[in-house]
Protein backbone atom coordinates (compact mmCIF):
# COMPACT_ATOMS: atom_id res chain seq x y z
CA MET A 1 102.33 2.75 -27.06
CA HIS A 2 100.80 -0.58 -26.67
CA LEU A 3 98.21 -1.05 -23.93
CA THR A 4 96.85 -4.30 -22.87
CA PHE A 5 93.53 -4.47 -21.03
CA LEU A 6 93.65 -8.01 -18.90
CA HIS A 7 90.64 -9.35 -17.01
CA ASP A 8 91.74 -9.42 -13.47
CA PRO A 9 90.94 -12.55 -11.22
CA ARG A 10 89.37 -10.19 -8.86
CA GLY A 11 86.86 -8.89 -10.91
CA GLU A 12 89.07 -5.89 -11.71
CA CYS A 13 90.57 -4.78 -15.08
CA LEU A 14 94.39 -4.65 -15.31
CA THR A 15 95.95 -2.88 -18.00
CA LEU A 16 99.53 -3.57 -19.34
CA ILE A 17 101.16 -0.42 -20.88
CA ARG A 18 104.12 -0.50 -22.95
CA ARG A 19 105.60 2.58 -23.96
CA ALA A 20 107.80 3.32 -26.50
CA ASP A 21 110.70 4.32 -24.68
CA GLY A 22 110.67 0.35 -23.60
CA ALA A 23 109.50 0.94 -19.80
CA GLU A 24 106.26 -1.16 -19.06
CA PHE A 25 103.58 -0.51 -16.20
CA THR A 26 100.84 -2.24 -14.60
CA LEU A 27 97.57 0.23 -14.18
CA THR A 28 94.73 -1.15 -11.93
CA SER A 29 91.31 0.18 -12.70
CA TYR A 30 89.37 0.64 -9.90
CA SER A 31 85.71 -0.27 -12.25
CA ARG A 32 84.12 -3.74 -10.85
CA LYS A 33 81.19 -2.13 -10.50
CA HIS A 34 81.21 -1.34 -14.06
CA ARG A 35 80.83 -3.93 -17.06
CA VAL A 36 83.07 -1.56 -18.76
CA PRO A 37 86.53 -0.86 -16.99
CA HIS A 38 86.76 2.61 -16.77
CA ASP A 39 90.77 2.76 -18.05
CA LEU A 40 88.88 1.50 -20.96
CA ALA A 41 86.37 3.77 -21.25
CA HIS A 42 89.76 6.52 -21.17
CA ALA A 43 91.43 4.93 -23.95
CA VAL A 44 88.59 4.81 -26.29
CA THR A 45 87.44 8.42 -25.77
CA GLU A 46 90.71 10.12 -25.61
CA ARG A 47 91.80 8.11 -29.14
CA GLU A 48 88.81 8.32 -31.02
CA LEU A 49 88.16 12.04 -29.59
CA GLY A 50 92.23 12.94 -30.41
CA LEU A 51 93.08 13.91 -26.87
CA PRO A 52 96.51 14.27 -26.74
CA ASP A 53 97.01 15.14 -23.26
CA GLY A 54 94.18 13.04 -21.43
CA ILE A 55 95.38 10.00 -19.20
CA PHE A 56 97.01 8.11 -21.92
CA GLY A 57 98.71 10.71 -23.32
CA CYS A 58 100.26 11.81 -20.67
CA ILE A 59 101.43 7.91 -19.66
CA ALA A 60 103.06 8.18 -23.09
CA ALA A 61 104.74 11.07 -22.64
CA GLY A 62 106.14 10.03 -19.07
CA ALA A 63 103.61 10.61 -16.47
CA VAL A 64 103.47 7.73 -13.85
CA PHE A 65 100.46 7.53 -11.69
CA ASP A 66 100.05 6.69 -8.36
CA SER A 67 98.05 3.31 -9.83
CA MET A 68 101.05 2.77 -12.01
CA ARG A 69 103.77 0.07 -10.98
CA GLN A 70 106.77 -0.33 -13.14
CA THR A 71 107.09 -4.38 -14.35
CA GLY A 72 110.11 -3.77 -16.91
CA GLY A 73 112.24 -1.51 -19.19
CA LYS A 74 114.66 1.17 -17.15
CA LYS A 75 114.06 3.18 -15.11
CA ARG A 76 114.34 7.15 -16.55
CA HIS A 77 116.71 8.96 -14.26
CA ASP A 78 114.31 11.95 -14.43
CA ALA A 79 110.91 10.02 -13.95
CA LYS A 80 109.95 11.51 -11.44
CA ILE A 81 110.66 15.03 -12.34
CA ARG A 82 109.26 14.54 -16.13
CA SER A 83 105.82 12.71 -14.28
CA THR A 84 105.75 15.66 -12.17
CA ARG A 85 106.32 18.37 -14.83
CA ILE A 86 103.51 16.71 -17.35
CA LEU A 87 100.80 16.46 -15.00
CA LYS A 88 101.49 20.07 -13.58
CA ALA A 89 101.28 21.40 -17.47
CA PRO A 90 97.99 22.31 -18.60
CA ASN A 91 96.75 19.12 -20.23
CA SER A 92 92.91 17.92 -20.65
CA ILE A 93 92.65 15.05 -17.95
CA GLY A 94 90.13 17.01 -16.41
CA ILE A 95 87.93 17.27 -19.38
CA SER A 96 88.72 13.62 -20.42
CA GLU A 97 87.25 12.49 -16.86
CA ALA A 98 83.98 14.89 -17.89
CA ILE A 99 83.78 13.32 -21.37
CA THR A 100 84.74 9.83 -20.49
CA SER A 101 82.48 9.52 -17.70
CA VAL A 102 79.32 10.66 -20.11
CA ILE A 103 80.10 8.07 -22.77
CA HIS A 104 81.19 5.22 -20.46
CA ASP A 105 77.45 6.15 -18.98
CA ALA A 106 75.94 5.88 -22.33
CA VAL A 107 77.62 2.79 -23.41
CA GLU A 108 76.60 0.92 -19.65
CA LYS A 109 73.03 1.87 -19.59
CA GLY A 110 72.83 1.01 -23.30
CA GLY A 111 71.54 4.71 -24.62
CA ALA A 112 72.94 6.85 -27.60
CA THR A 113 75.46 9.47 -27.11
CA PRO A 114 74.22 12.40 -24.90
CA TYR A 115 75.69 15.33 -27.02
CA ALA A 116 74.57 18.15 -25.18
CA LEU A 117 75.83 16.66 -21.87
CA VAL A 118 78.83 16.14 -23.84
CA ARG A 119 79.25 20.02 -24.87
CA GLU A 120 78.08 21.02 -21.22
CA MET A 121 80.85 18.98 -19.52
CA TRP A 122 83.15 20.57 -21.91
CA GLY A 123 81.36 24.11 -20.73
CA VAL A 124 82.53 23.23 -17.63
CA THR A 125 86.10 23.57 -17.91
CA GLN A 126 86.44 25.26 -21.35
CA SER A 127 85.40 28.58 -22.52
CA ASP A 128 85.56 27.97 -26.27
CA PRO A 129 82.89 25.66 -27.36
CA CYS A 130 83.12 22.09 -27.81
CA PRO A 131 85.63 20.79 -30.95
CA TYR A 132 83.63 17.49 -31.41
CA LEU A 133 80.95 16.78 -33.61
CA ASP A 134 78.25 14.74 -33.52
CA PRO A 135 79.78 12.00 -35.73
CA GLU A 136 82.88 11.98 -33.60
CA LEU A 137 81.11 11.37 -30.38
CA ASP A 138 79.03 8.50 -31.75
CA ARG A 139 82.14 7.00 -33.38
CA ALA A 140 83.78 6.94 -29.47
CA THR A 141 80.68 5.73 -27.98
CA GLU A 142 80.47 2.66 -30.28
CA THR A 143 83.74 1.93 -30.34
CA LEU A 144 83.44 1.64 -26.69
CA ARG A 145 79.78 -0.60 -27.05
CA GLY A 146 81.99 -2.71 -29.44
CA LEU A 147 84.78 -3.55 -27.00
CA SER A 148 82.74 -3.65 -24.09
CA ARG A 149 81.02 -6.38 -25.82
CA ARG A 150 84.31 -8.29 -26.64
CA TRP A 151 85.35 -7.33 -22.87
CA GLN A 152 82.08 -9.38 -21.40
CA GLU A 153 81.93 -12.06 -23.98
CA ASN A 154 85.32 -13.32 -23.45
CA SER A 155 88.05 -13.12 -21.06
CA ASP A 156 90.83 -12.52 -23.79
CA PRO A 157 93.06 -9.50 -23.61
CA LEU A 158 92.23 -6.28 -25.45
CA VAL A 159 94.97 -5.02 -27.38
CA PHE A 160 94.51 -1.32 -27.82
CA PRO A 161 97.55 0.58 -29.65
CA TRP A 162 98.05 4.01 -28.80
CA PRO A 163 98.94 6.23 -31.61
CA ARG A 164 102.10 8.04 -31.47
CA ARG A 165 100.79 11.76 -32.49
CA LEU A 166 98.35 11.49 -29.04
CA GLN A 167 101.01 12.23 -26.77
CA ALA A 168 101.35 15.30 -24.00
CA ALA A 169 103.63 17.73 -24.60
CA TYR A 170 106.39 18.03 -22.60
CA ALA A 171 108.62 21.03 -21.48
CA GLY A 172 111.48 19.52 -20.58
CA ARG A 173 114.84 21.11 -20.35
């Protein structure tokens, strides 16, 4: 899957998604109040921490969110059923939202990675210890900080390859 983050003339971010199955989508991000698009923060956090079943891992597996619109490729005959199954399966979307918000906020405010807060957010939904070490969290924060600078300095699209290994499991027939 390939993601391309574009500056939307309305001040938002538009993400072009090209999945491995050939389907193409646009995803509108409603993050005008942020310097860094929230969907970019999700992509960085999920990729850097290796979350296969966060927002973008679910999309890679075939999930379609309400804020997505298909713009190309063949629509699967079972697209709606597949998407529903992926999104109803146990996944890490909740923990992805929590950790992404913490890392996004650190970059927005120019602060350091708040390790304790990440671990606290992990503990809200998970009973096992947080698996992410400080260097991994720092890598996610610094990657997002670097892409944030690029996003703000020019209007060029940010091309963001998504690793095939980070795809949500799908329990299809």
